[in-house]
Amino acid sequence: MKKIYTIGEALIDFMPIQTETTLKDVTAFEKAPGGAPANVAVAVARLGGEAAFIGQVGADAFGDYLHEVFEKEGVDTTHLFSTSRAHTALAFVTLSHGERQFVFYRNPSADMLMREEQIHAIDFVADILHFGSVALQTDSMRDAHRRLIAKIHKAGGLVSFDPNLRVSLWKSSDELERRVLEFLPKANIVKVSDDELWFFSGKESEEQAIKFLFQGKVEVVIVTRGKAGATVYHKDERIDADGFEVRTIDTTGAGDGFVAGILYQIAQFDHPLSETTHEEWETILRFANAVGAIATTAKGAMPSYPTLSVTQAFLQSKTV
């Protein structure tokens, strides 16, 4: 099985005790580990995959807590750094009808200050590297991403990119779009939500939008549609998989769970990504949809991710 590395932000999500209310009216929160790349690493490890996280937290109580969470979950923390130059990032979440909104405190946070020279010693085999757009805000982190992406391509590995739209974190939507379109062609696998598909492509039809995303090294585009499931575009094929009906409590981290399900399955293949068959993609999508669906049935991201046995039992229960 290939090792799955994720790079980017690890932070603390403060989840509201009260739901169906605005942030100003919430009177109490409980902390939960979060950050999209961190979520993917934990979800992969929970499924039984080999996962490693590359990033930086503050030399503070929240950073210590995130270290402990990763180690407890079996995520390789060799390249999880600490700094006293800034605090660990925080995000306050509000929940309404299972959907969430975020207010971030990272101006800057420790994850934004990681330097390229910190990751010089990282070597890959034919592994997988996953990243998102949130970590691309600073020059140093962009340089670190460029270096690691070049390294893993040279080693014959795969790169996965989930833009994970967070416009509020950027100076402007134009800057966010510019950075996404710089890194998009460097990825082999691109996962977008249906909303992100239109935002980043600027096209009027899905067919045009998908064609636009096939740039550079992109071999696969995956579009998630929430409860409606997901679609894989691969070569000249379109593979659809329905979603699962569950009692949704919190959608935080569901997309990251879906990504983990995709990468966990791909990591087990010993053939090139280009040789993945229609039937294999159907299996991959159904598995990833199950992981994402299960993740919505509990509060928080990391605490909600299923093990392999739980996922398999869920899939078996949905088999007609």
C-alpha atoms as a PDB file:
ATOM      1  CA  MET A   1       0.000   0.000   0.000  1.00  0.00           C
ATOM      2  CA  LYS A   2       1.258   3.469  -0.905  1.00  0.00           C
ATOM      3  CA  LYS A   3       1.848   5.914   1.918  1.00  0.00           C
ATOM      4  CA  ILE A   4      -0.462   8.936   1.864  1.00  0.00           C
ATOM      5  CA  TYR A   5       1.101  12.254   2.845  1.00  0.00           C
ATOM      6  CA  THR A   6      -0.977  15.365   3.440  1.00  0.00           C
ATOM      7  CA  ILE A   7       0.419  18.873   3.785  1.00  0.00           C
ATOM      8  CA  GLY A   8      -1.176  22.034   5.101  1.00  0.00           C
ATOM      9  CA  GLU A   9      -3.116  23.273   8.091  1.00  0.00           C
ATOM     10  CA  ALA A  10      -3.900  21.484  11.336  1.00  0.00           C
ATOM     11  CA  LEU A  11      -6.101  23.557  13.612  1.00  0.00           C
ATOM     12  CA  ILE A  12      -8.706  23.508  16.349  1.00  0.00           C
ATOM     13  CA  ASP A  13     -12.377  23.596  15.403  1.00  0.00           C
ATOM     14  CA  PHE A  14     -14.521  25.030  18.176  1.00  0.00           C
ATOM     15  CA  MET A  15     -17.883  23.330  17.717  1.00  0.00           C
ATOM     16  CA  PRO A  16     -20.975  25.030  19.152  1.00  0.00           C
ATOM     17  CA  ILE A  17     -22.893  23.392  21.956  1.00  0.00           C
ATOM     18  CA  GLN A  18     -26.015  25.126  20.609  1.00  0.00           C
ATOM     19  CA  THR A  19     -27.050  24.640  16.993  1.00  0.00           C
ATOM     20  CA  GLU A  20     -29.514  26.461  14.720  1.00  0.00           C
ATOM     21  CA  THR A  21     -28.218  29.811  15.943  1.00  0.00           C
ATOM     22  CA  THR A  22     -25.749  32.526  14.923  1.00  0.00           C
ATOM     23  CA  LEU A  23     -22.165  32.692  16.154  1.00  0.00           C
ATOM     24  CA  LYS A  24     -22.845  35.728  18.339  1.00  0.00           C
ATOM     25  CA  ASP A  25     -25.580  33.830  20.180  1.00  0.00           C
ATOM     26  CA  VAL A  26     -23.562  30.674  20.896  1.00  0.00           C
ATOM     27  CA  THR A  27     -22.648  30.595  24.585  1.00  0.00           C
ATOM     28  CA  ALA A  28     -20.374  27.545  24.688  1.00  0.00           C
ATOM     29  CA  PHE A  29     -18.079  25.562  22.401  1.00  0.00           C
ATOM     30  CA  GLU A  30     -16.173  22.296  22.577  1.00  0.00           C
ATOM     31  CA  LYS A  31     -12.828  21.839  20.861  1.00  0.00           C
ATOM     32  CA  ALA A  32     -12.215  19.308  18.098  1.00  0.00           C
ATOM     33  CA  PRO A  33      -9.104  18.723  15.969  1.00  0.00           C
ATOM     34  CA  GLY A  34      -9.476  19.884  12.375  1.00  0.00           C
ATOM     35  CA  GLY A  35      -7.958  21.334   9.221  1.00  0.00           C
ATOM     36  CA  ALA A  36      -8.707  19.728   5.848  1.00  0.00           C
ATOM     37  CA  PRO A  37      -5.314  18.047   5.181  1.00  0.00           C
ATOM     38  CA  ALA A  38      -5.126  16.940   8.807  1.00  0.00           C
ATOM     39  CA  ASN A  39      -8.632  15.482   8.532  1.00  0.00           C
ATOM     40  CA  VAL A  40      -7.669  13.481   5.449  1.00  0.00           C
ATOM     41  CA  ALA A  41      -4.590  12.042   7.191  1.00  0.00           C
ATOM     42  CA  VAL A  42      -6.602  10.939  10.225  1.00  0.00           C
ATOM     43  CA  ALA A  43      -9.421   9.503   8.102  1.00  0.00           C
ATOM     44  CA  VAL A  44      -6.915   7.462   6.063  1.00  0.00           C
ATOM     45  CA  ALA A  45      -5.274   6.143   9.233  1.00  0.00           C
ATOM     46  CA  ARG A  46      -8.679   5.316  10.756  1.00  0.00           C
ATOM     47  CA  LEU A  47      -9.399   3.165   7.669  1.00  0.00           C
ATOM     48  CA  GLY A  48      -6.121   1.320   8.178  1.00  0.00           C
ATOM     49  CA  GLY A  49      -4.001   3.166   5.625  1.00  0.00           C
ATOM     50  CA  GLU A  50      -0.480   4.477   6.126  1.00  0.00           C
ATOM     51  CA  ALA A  51      -0.746   8.251   6.608  1.00  0.00           C
ATOM     52  CA  ALA A  52       1.677  11.083   7.365  1.00  0.00           C
ATOM     53  CA  PHE A  53       1.004  14.758   8.041  1.00  0.00           C
ATOM     54  CA  ILE A  54       3.351  17.585   7.020  1.00  0.00           C
ATOM     55  CA  GLY A  55       2.689  20.900   8.703  1.00  0.00           C
ATOM     56  CA  GLN A  56       3.287  23.183  11.647  1.00  0.00           C
ATOM     57  CA  VAL A  57       1.424  24.064  14.834  1.00  0.00           C
ATOM     58  CA  GLY A  58       2.113  26.504  17.608  1.00  0.00           C
ATOM     59  CA  ALA A  59       4.249  25.665  20.624  1.00  0.00           C
ATOM     60  CA  ASP A  60       1.126  25.924  22.745  1.00  0.00           C
ATOM     61  CA  ALA A  61      -1.502  23.755  24.399  1.00  0.00           C
ATOM     62  CA  PHE A  62      -3.522  23.417  21.192  1.00  0.00           C
ATOM     63  CA  GLY A  63      -0.433  22.373  19.239  1.00  0.00           C
ATOM     64  CA  ASP A  64       0.407  19.776  21.892  1.00  0.00           C
ATOM     65  CA  TYR A  65      -3.152  18.494  21.667  1.00  0.00           C
ATOM     66  CA  LEU A  66      -2.952  18.094  17.872  1.00  0.00           C
ATOM     67  CA  HIS A  67       0.358  16.214  18.220  1.00  0.00           C
ATOM     68  CA  GLU A  68      -1.327  13.824  20.651  1.00  0.00           C
ATOM     69  CA  VAL A  69      -4.340  13.334  18.371  1.00  0.00           C
ATOM     70  CA  PHE A  70      -2.175  12.439  15.373  1.00  0.00           C
ATOM     71  CA  GLU A  71      -0.073  10.006  17.371  1.00  0.00           C
ATOM     72  CA  LYS A  72      -3.127   8.369  18.924  1.00  0.00           C
ATOM     73  CA  GLU A  73      -4.636   7.902  15.448  1.00  0.00           C
ATOM     74  CA  GLY A  74      -1.437   6.379  14.073  1.00  0.00           C
ATOM     75  CA  VAL A  75      -0.529   9.261  11.757  1.00  0.00           C
ATOM     76  CA  ASP A  76       3.209   9.713  11.135  1.00  0.00           C
ATOM     77  CA  THR A  77       4.215  13.026  12.763  1.00  0.00           C
ATOM     78  CA  THR A  78       7.890  13.008  11.720  1.00  0.00           C
ATOM     79  CA  HIS A  79       7.297  16.201   9.756  1.00  0.00           C
ATOM     80  CA  LEU A  80       4.846  17.935  12.105  1.00  0.00           C
ATOM     81  CA  PHE A  81       6.765  20.961  13.387  1.00  0.00           C
ATOM     82  CA  SER A  82       6.159  23.403  16.242  1.00  0.00           C
ATOM     83  CA  THR A  83       6.966  27.105  16.426  1.00  0.00           C
ATOM     84  CA  SER A  84       6.776  29.845  19.044  1.00  0.00           C
ATOM     85  CA  ARG A  85       6.468  32.508  16.314  1.00  0.00           C
ATOM     86  CA  ALA A  86       2.669  32.139  16.132  1.00  0.00           C
ATOM     87  CA  HIS A  87      -0.204  30.283  17.752  1.00  0.00           C
ATOM     88  CA  THR A  88      -2.059  27.236  16.451  1.00  0.00           C
ATOM     89  CA  ALA A  89      -4.914  28.247  14.135  1.00  0.00           C
ATOM     90  CA  LEU A  90      -8.479  28.285  15.485  1.00  0.00           C
ATOM     91  CA  ALA A  91     -11.829  28.063  13.699  1.00  0.00           C
ATOM     92  CA  PHE A  92     -15.203  28.744  15.298  1.00  0.00           C
ATOM     93  CA  VAL A  93     -18.046  26.824  13.674  1.00  0.00           C
ATOM     94  CA  THR A  94     -21.789  27.406  13.591  1.00  0.00           C
ATOM     95  CA  LEU A  95     -24.230  24.654  12.632  1.00  0.00           C
ATOM     96  CA  SER A  96     -27.628  25.020  11.002  1.00  0.00           C
ATOM     97  CA  HIS A  97     -29.538  22.066   9.539  1.00  0.00           C
ATOM     98  CA  GLY A  98     -26.290  20.079   9.523  1.00  0.00           C
ATOM     99  CA  GLU A  99     -24.458  22.674   7.413  1.00  0.00           C
ATOM    100  CA  ARG A 100     -21.603  24.712   8.835  1.00  0.00           C
ATOM    101  CA  GLN A 101     -20.029  28.132   8.609  1.00  0.00           C
ATOM    102  CA  PHE A 102     -16.542  29.047   9.810  1.00  0.00           C
ATOM    103  CA  VAL A 103     -14.853  32.051  11.375  1.00  0.00           C
ATOM    104  CA  PHE A 104     -11.054  31.585  11.317  1.00  0.00           C
ATOM    105  CA  TYR A 105      -8.381  32.994  13.629  1.00  0.00           C
ATOM    106  CA  ARG A 106      -5.075  32.650  11.741  1.00  0.00           C
ATOM    107  CA  ASN A 107      -3.534  36.052  11.080  1.00  0.00           C
ATOM    108  CA  PRO A 108      -0.995  34.549  10.797  1.00  0.00           C
ATOM    109  CA  SER A 109      -1.084  31.174  12.492  1.00  0.00           C
ATOM    110  CA  ALA A 110       1.717  28.668  12.936  1.00  0.00           C
ATOM    111  CA  ASP A 111       0.778  26.618   9.868  1.00  0.00           C
ATOM    112  CA  MET A 112       1.250  29.659   7.610  1.00  0.00           C
ATOM    113  CA  LEU A 113       4.855  30.145   8.741  1.00  0.00           C
ATOM    114  CA  MET A 114       6.327  26.757   7.845  1.00  0.00           C
ATOM    115  CA  ARG A 115       9.421  27.222   5.672  1.00  0.00           C
ATOM    116  CA  GLU A 116      10.598  25.300   2.623  1.00  0.00           C
ATOM    117  CA  GLU A 117      13.897  24.338   4.278  1.00  0.00           C
ATOM    118  CA  GLN A 118      11.987  22.421   6.960  1.00  0.00           C
ATOM    119  CA  ILE A 119      10.866  19.815   4.438  1.00  0.00           C
ATOM    120  CA  HIS A 120      14.143  19.285   2.532  1.00  0.00           C
ATOM    121  CA  ALA A 121      14.711  15.905   4.189  1.00  0.00           C
ATOM    122  CA  ILE A 122      11.388  14.404   3.063  1.00  0.00           C
ATOM    123  CA  ASP A 123      11.818  11.681   0.467  1.00  0.00           C
ATOM    124  CA  PHE A 124       9.062   9.813  -1.326  1.00  0.00           C
ATOM    125  CA  VAL A 125       8.797   6.492  -3.068  1.00  0.00           C
ATOM    126  CA  ALA A 126       5.737   5.933  -5.303  1.00  0.00           C
ATOM    127  CA  ASP A 127       3.549   7.568  -2.655  1.00  0.00           C
ATOM    128  CA  ILE A 128       0.585   9.961  -2.688  1.00  0.00           C
ATOM    129  CA  LEU A 129       0.681  13.638  -1.680  1.00  0.00           C
ATOM    130  CA  HIS A 130      -2.578  15.475  -0.947  1.00  0.00           C
ATOM    131  CA  PHE A 131      -3.018  19.221  -0.447  1.00  0.00           C
ATOM    132  CA  GLY A 132      -5.616  21.991  -0.500  1.00  0.00           C
ATOM    133  CA  SER A 133      -5.730  25.715  -1.215  1.00  0.00           C
ATOM    134  CA  VAL A 134      -5.897  27.087   2.340  1.00  0.00           C
ATOM    135  CA  ALA A 135      -2.166  26.494   2.877  1.00  0.00           C
ATOM    136  CA  LEU A 136      -1.215  28.363  -0.304  1.00  0.00           C
ATOM    137  CA  GLN A 137      -1.577  31.831   1.202  1.00  0.00           C
ATOM    138  CA  THR A 138       2.081  32.473   2.030  1.00  0.00           C
ATOM    139  CA  ASP A 139       5.199  32.461  -0.159  1.00  0.00           C
ATOM    140  CA  SER A 140       7.009  30.009   2.106  1.00  0.00           C
ATOM    141  CA  MET A 141       4.181  27.464   2.063  1.00  0.00           C
ATOM    142  CA  ARG A 142       3.751  27.779  -1.698  1.00  0.00           C
ATOM    143  CA  ASP A 143       7.480  27.097  -2.086  1.00  0.00           C
ATOM    144  CA  ALA A 144       7.203  24.070   0.204  1.00  0.00           C
ATOM    145  CA  HIS A 145       4.299  22.712  -1.840  1.00  0.00           C
ATOM    146  CA  ARG A 146       6.137  23.250  -5.128  1.00  0.00           C
ATOM    147  CA  ARG A 147       9.199  21.416  -3.835  1.00  0.00           C
ATOM    148  CA  LEU A 148       7.269  18.445  -2.460  1.00  0.00           C
ATOM    149  CA  ILE A 149       5.090  18.132  -5.559  1.00  0.00           C
ATOM    150  CA  ALA A 150       8.176  18.077  -7.783  1.00  0.00           C
ATOM    151  CA  LYS A 151       9.784  15.476  -5.507  1.00  0.00           C
ATOM    152  CA  ILE A 152       6.842  13.100  -5.508  1.00  0.00           C
ATOM    153  CA  HIS A 153       6.372  13.353  -9.268  1.00  0.00           C
ATOM    154  CA  LYS A 154      10.067  12.531  -9.716  1.00  0.00           C
ATOM    155  CA  ALA A 155       9.599   9.493  -7.454  1.00  0.00           C
ATOM    156  CA  GLY A 156       6.706   8.236  -9.583  1.00  0.00           C
ATOM    157  CA  GLY A 157       4.015   9.131  -7.051  1.00  0.00           C
ATOM    158  CA  LEU A 158       0.636  10.817  -7.345  1.00  0.00           C
ATOM    159  CA  VAL A 159      -0.571  14.259  -6.339  1.00  0.00           C
ATOM    160  CA  SER A 160      -4.126  14.934  -5.136  1.00  0.00           C
ATOM    161  CA  PHE A 161      -5.627  18.428  -4.892  1.00  0.00           C
ATOM    162  CA  ASP A 162      -8.843  19.519  -3.185  1.00  0.00           C
ATOM    163  CA  PRO A 163      -9.190  23.323  -3.574  1.00  0.00           C
ATOM    164  CA  ASN A 164     -11.601  23.385  -0.594  1.00  0.00           C
ATOM    165  CA  LEU A 165     -13.071  26.819  -1.227  1.00  0.00           C
ATOM    166  CA  ARG A 166     -12.625  29.242   1.715  1.00  0.00           C
ATOM    167  CA  VAL A 167     -12.974  32.684   0.144  1.00  0.00           C
ATOM    168  CA  SER A 168     -13.114  34.475   3.507  1.00  0.00           C
ATOM    169  CA  LEU A 169      -9.497  33.536   4.227  1.00  0.00           C
ATOM    170  CA  TRP A 170      -8.173  35.356   1.163  1.00  0.00           C
ATOM    171  CA  LYS A 171      -7.673  39.024   0.367  1.00  0.00           C
ATOM    172  CA  SER A 172      -9.853  38.544  -2.700  1.00  0.00           C
ATOM    173  CA  SER A 173     -11.548  35.771  -4.649  1.00  0.00           C
ATOM    174  CA  ASP A 174      -9.301  36.682  -7.598  1.00  0.00           C
ATOM    175  CA  GLU A 175      -6.188  35.865  -5.582  1.00  0.00           C
ATOM    176  CA  LEU A 176      -7.670  32.550  -4.485  1.00  0.00           C
ATOM    177  CA  GLU A 177      -8.555  31.693  -8.073  1.00  0.00           C
ATOM    178  CA  ARG A 178      -5.061  32.625  -9.273  1.00  0.00           C
ATOM    179  CA  ARG A 179      -3.374  30.365  -6.728  1.00  0.00           C
ATOM    180  CA  VAL A 180      -5.705  27.441  -7.436  1.00  0.00           C
ATOM    181  CA  LEU A 181      -5.116  27.719 -11.157  1.00  0.00           C
ATOM    182  CA  GLU A 182      -1.345  27.798 -10.578  1.00  0.00           C
ATOM    183  CA  PHE A 183      -1.354  24.524  -8.628  1.00  0.00           C
ATOM    184  CA  LEU A 184      -4.175  22.731 -10.444  1.00  0.00           C
ATOM    185  CA  PRO A 185      -1.997  21.538 -13.380  1.00  0.00           C
ATOM    186  CA  LYS A 186       0.494  19.994 -10.945  1.00  0.00           C
ATOM    187  CA  ALA A 187      -2.067  17.476  -9.619  1.00  0.00           C
ATOM    188  CA  ASN A 188      -2.979  14.060 -11.010  1.00  0.00           C
ATOM    189  CA  ILE A 189      -6.280  13.921  -9.116  1.00  0.00           C
ATOM    190  CA  VAL A 190      -8.506  16.971  -8.627  1.00  0.00           C
ATOM    191  CA  LYS A 191     -11.555  16.829  -6.379  1.00  0.00           C
ATOM    192  CA  VAL A 192     -14.066  19.682  -6.436  1.00  0.00           C
ATOM    193  CA  SER A 193     -17.575  20.210  -5.123  1.00  0.00           C
ATOM    194  CA  ASP A 194     -20.241  21.161  -7.632  1.00  0.00           C
ATOM    195  CA  ASP A 195     -20.070  24.779  -6.388  1.00  0.00           C
ATOM    196  CA  GLU A 196     -16.290  24.891  -6.754  1.00  0.00           C
ATOM    197  CA  LEU A 197     -16.538  23.509 -10.289  1.00  0.00           C
ATOM    198  CA  TRP A 198     -18.270  26.681 -11.448  1.00  0.00           C
ATOM    199  CA  PHE A 199     -16.194  29.057  -9.313  1.00  0.00           C
ATOM    200  CA  PHE A 200     -12.799  27.922 -10.591  1.00  0.00           C
ATOM    201  CA  SER A 201     -13.679  27.178 -14.194  1.00  0.00           C
ATOM    202  CA  GLY A 202     -15.953  30.129 -14.940  1.00  0.00           C
ATOM    203  CA  LYS A 203     -17.691  27.997 -17.569  1.00  0.00           C
ATOM    204  CA  GLU A 204     -21.402  27.829 -18.308  1.00  0.00           C
ATOM    205  CA  SER A 205     -21.810  24.066 -18.723  1.00  0.00           C
ATOM    206  CA  GLU A 206     -20.451  21.134 -16.735  1.00  0.00           C
ATOM    207  CA  GLU A 207     -18.901  19.666 -19.870  1.00  0.00           C
ATOM    208  CA  GLN A 208     -16.947  22.879 -20.503  1.00  0.00           C
ATOM    209  CA  ALA A 209     -15.984  23.159 -16.828  1.00  0.00           C
ATOM    210  CA  ILE A 210     -14.628  19.610 -16.716  1.00  0.00           C
ATOM    211  CA  LYS A 211     -12.610  20.122 -19.903  1.00  0.00           C
ATOM    212  CA  PHE A 212     -11.151  23.274 -18.372  1.00  0.00           C
ATOM    213  CA  LEU A 213      -9.923  21.368 -15.307  1.00  0.00           C
ATOM    214  CA  PHE A 214      -8.007  18.817 -17.371  1.00  0.00           C
ATOM    215  CA  GLN A 215      -4.819  20.852 -17.437  1.00  0.00           C
ATOM    216  CA  GLY A 216      -1.181  19.785 -17.142  1.00  0.00           C
ATOM    217  CA  LYS A 217      -0.831  16.500 -15.251  1.00  0.00           C
ATOM    218  CA  VAL A 218      -4.525  16.155 -14.350  1.00  0.00           C
ATOM    219  CA  GLU A 219      -5.726  12.609 -15.114  1.00  0.00           C
ATOM    220  CA  VAL A 220      -8.872  12.434 -12.988  1.00  0.00           C
ATOM    221  CA  VAL A 221     -11.478  15.002 -11.949  1.00  0.00           C
ATOM    222  CA  ILE A 222     -13.912  14.063  -9.193  1.00  0.00           C
ATOM    223  CA  VAL A 223     -17.020  16.161  -8.557  1.00  0.00           C
ATOM    224  CA  THR A 224     -18.880  15.718  -5.264  1.00  0.00           C
ATOM    225  CA  ARG A 225     -22.585  16.554  -5.107  1.00  0.00           C
ATOM    226  CA  GLY A 226     -23.434  16.137  -1.425  1.00  0.00           C
ATOM    227  CA  LYS A 227     -26.301  13.719  -0.833  1.00  0.00           C
ATOM    228  CA  ALA A 228     -26.601  13.193  -4.599  1.00  0.00           C
ATOM    229  CA  GLY A 229     -23.279  11.343  -4.693  1.00  0.00           C
ATOM    230  CA  ALA A 230     -20.228  11.932  -6.856  1.00  0.00           C
ATOM    231  CA  THR A 231     -18.904  11.682 -10.392  1.00  0.00           C
ATOM    232  CA  VAL A 232     -15.495  10.676 -11.735  1.00  0.00           C
ATOM    233  CA  TYR A 233     -14.279  11.984 -15.072  1.00  0.00           C
ATOM    234  CA  HIS A 234     -11.448   9.796 -16.332  1.00  0.00           C
ATOM    235  CA  LYS A 235     -10.154   9.754 -19.916  1.00  0.00           C
ATOM    236  CA  ASP A 236     -13.348   9.919 -21.982  1.00  0.00           C
ATOM    237  CA  GLU A 237     -15.451   8.239 -19.298  1.00  0.00           C
ATOM    238  CA  ARG A 238     -17.959   9.548 -16.784  1.00  0.00           C
ATOM    239  CA  ILE A 239     -18.668   7.314 -13.783  1.00  0.00           C
ATOM    240  CA  ASP A 240     -21.504   8.253 -11.398  1.00  0.00           C
ATOM    241  CA  ALA A 241     -22.256   6.889  -7.944  1.00  0.00           C
ATOM    242  CA  ASP A 242     -25.286   7.735  -5.848  1.00  0.00           C
ATOM    243  CA  GLY A 243     -24.942   9.059  -2.331  1.00  0.00           C
ATOM    244  CA  PHE A 244     -26.358   7.468   0.809  1.00  0.00           C
ATOM    245  CA  GLU A 245     -29.284   8.641   2.901  1.00  0.00           C
ATOM    246  CA  VAL A 246     -28.230   9.113   6.519  1.00  0.00           C
ATOM    247  CA  ARG A 247     -29.369  11.190   9.483  1.00  0.00           C
ATOM    248  CA  THR A 248     -27.051  14.178   9.092  1.00  0.00           C
ATOM    249  CA  ILE A 249     -25.867  15.898  12.257  1.00  0.00           C
ATOM    250  CA  ASP A 250     -22.810  17.831  11.049  1.00  0.00           C
ATOM    251  CA  THR A 251     -21.204  18.017   7.587  1.00  0.00           C
ATOM    252  CA  THR A 252     -17.864  19.315   8.908  1.00  0.00           C
ATOM    253  CA  GLY A 253     -15.066  17.270   7.351  1.00  0.00           C
ATOM    254  CA  ALA A 254     -17.357  15.075   5.243  1.00  0.00           C
ATOM    255  CA  GLY A 255     -15.579  16.100   2.045  1.00  0.00           C
ATOM    256  CA  ASP A 256     -12.233  15.286   3.639  1.00  0.00           C
ATOM    257  CA  GLY A 257     -13.564  11.869   4.612  1.00  0.00           C
ATOM    258  CA  PHE A 258     -14.632  11.349   1.004  1.00  0.00           C
ATOM    259  CA  VAL A 259     -11.133  12.264  -0.205  1.00  0.00           C
ATOM    260  CA  ALA A 260      -9.599   9.857   2.308  1.00  0.00           C
ATOM    261  CA  GLY A 261     -11.852   7.096   0.992  1.00  0.00           C
ATOM    262  CA  ILE A 262     -10.687   7.790  -2.569  1.00  0.00           C
ATOM    263  CA  LEU A 263      -6.992   7.889  -1.690  1.00  0.00           C
ATOM    264  CA  TYR A 264      -7.174   4.847   0.596  1.00  0.00           C
ATOM    265  CA  GLN A 265      -8.547   2.787  -2.287  1.00  0.00           C
ATOM    266  CA  ILE A 266      -6.076   4.127  -4.865  1.00  0.00           C
ATOM    267  CA  ALA A 267      -3.172   3.485  -2.497  1.00  0.00           C
ATOM    268  CA  GLN A 268      -3.877  -0.240  -2.721  1.00  0.00           C
ATOM    269  CA  PHE A 269      -3.561  -0.438  -6.511  1.00  0.00           C
ATOM    270  CA  ASP A 270      -0.315  -1.633  -8.037  1.00  0.00           C
ATOM    271  CA  HIS A 271      -1.202  -0.345 -11.496  1.00  0.00           C
ATOM    272  CA  PRO A 272      -0.957   3.234 -12.858  1.00  0.00           C
ATOM    273  CA  LEU A 273      -3.862   5.581 -12.230  1.00  0.00           C
ATOM    274  CA  SER A 274      -4.505   5.707 -15.968  1.00  0.00           C
ATOM    275  CA  GLU A 275      -5.263   1.960 -15.991  1.00  0.00           C
ATOM    276  CA  THR A 276      -8.020   2.144 -13.363  1.00  0.00           C
ATOM    277  CA  THR A 277     -11.093   0.510 -14.852  1.00  0.00           C
ATOM    278  CA  HIS A 278     -14.704   1.683 -14.925  1.00  0.00           C
ATOM    279  CA  GLU A 279     -15.633  -1.052 -12.427  1.00  0.00           C
ATOM    280  CA  GLU A 280     -12.792  -0.061 -10.088  1.00  0.00           C
ATOM    281  CA  TRP A 281     -13.918   3.569 -10.145  1.00  0.00           C
ATOM    282  CA  GLU A 282     -17.454   2.514  -9.282  1.00  0.00           C
ATOM    283  CA  THR A 283     -16.106   0.624  -6.251  1.00  0.00           C
ATOM    284  CA  ILE A 284     -13.851   3.533  -5.248  1.00  0.00           C
ATOM    285  CA  LEU A 285     -16.686   6.064  -5.458  1.00  0.00           C
ATOM    286  CA  ARG A 286     -19.153   3.934  -3.528  1.00  0.00           C
ATOM    287  CA  PHE A 287     -16.599   3.380  -0.766  1.00  0.00           C
ATOM    288  CA  ALA A 288     -15.713   7.100  -0.594  1.00  0.00           C
ATOM    289  CA  ASN A 289     -19.398   8.083  -0.569  1.00  0.00           C
ATOM    290  CA  ALA A 290     -19.895   5.744   2.385  1.00  0.00           C
ATOM    291  CA  VAL A 291     -17.004   7.271   4.350  1.00  0.00           C
ATOM    292  CA  GLY A 292     -18.304  10.777   3.648  1.00  0.00           C
ATOM    293  CA  ALA A 293     -21.869   9.870   4.588  1.00  0.00           C
ATOM    294  CA  ILE A 294     -20.866   8.229   7.869  1.00  0.00           C
ATOM    295  CA  ALA A 295     -18.805  11.316   8.716  1.00  0.00           C
ATOM    296  CA  THR A 296     -21.969  13.448   8.724  1.00  0.00           C
ATOM    297  CA  THR A 297     -23.682  11.350  11.390  1.00  0.00           C
ATOM    298  CA  ALA A 298     -21.653  12.742  14.305  1.00  0.00           C
ATOM    299  CA  LYS A 299     -20.420  16.156  15.394  1.00  0.00           C
ATOM    300  CA  GLY A 300     -16.951  17.271  14.323  1.00  0.00           C
ATOM    301  CA  ALA A 301     -14.609  16.021  11.620  1.00  0.00           C
ATOM    302  CA  MET A 302     -11.952  13.658  12.996  1.00  0.00           C
ATOM    303  CA  PRO A 303     -14.146  12.128  15.718  1.00  0.00           C
ATOM    304  CA  SER A 304     -16.716  11.131  13.082  1.00  0.00           C
ATOM    305  CA  TYR A 305     -14.469   9.178  10.690  1.00  0.00           C
ATOM    306  CA  PRO A 306     -15.207   5.444  10.440  1.00  0.00           C
ATOM    307  CA  THR A 307     -12.896   2.470  10.600  1.00  0.00           C
ATOM    308  CA  LEU A 308     -12.674   0.054   7.685  1.00  0.00           C
ATOM    309  CA  SER A 309     -14.934  -2.471   9.410  1.00  0.00           C
ATOM    310  CA  VAL A 310     -17.593   0.166  10.123  1.00  0.00           C
ATOM    311  CA  THR A 311     -17.458   1.326   6.496  1.00  0.00           C
ATOM    312  CA  GLN A 312     -17.724  -2.212   5.165  1.00  0.00           C
ATOM    313  CA  ALA A 313     -20.673  -2.961   7.452  1.00  0.00           C
ATOM    314  CA  PHE A 314     -22.379   0.238   6.292  1.00  0.00           C
ATOM    315  CA  LEU A 315     -21.893  -0.715   2.644  1.00  0.00           C
ATOM    316  CA  GLN A 316     -23.173  -4.215   3.264  1.00  0.00           C
ATOM    317  CA  SER A 317     -26.290  -2.821   4.924  1.00  0.00           C
ATOM    318  CA  LYS A 318     -26.933  -0.694   1.824  1.00  0.00           C
ATOM    319  CA  THR A 319     -26.525  -3.552  -0.624  1.00  0.00           C
ATOM    320  CA  VAL A 320     -29.831  -4.506  -2.235  1.00  0.00           C
END
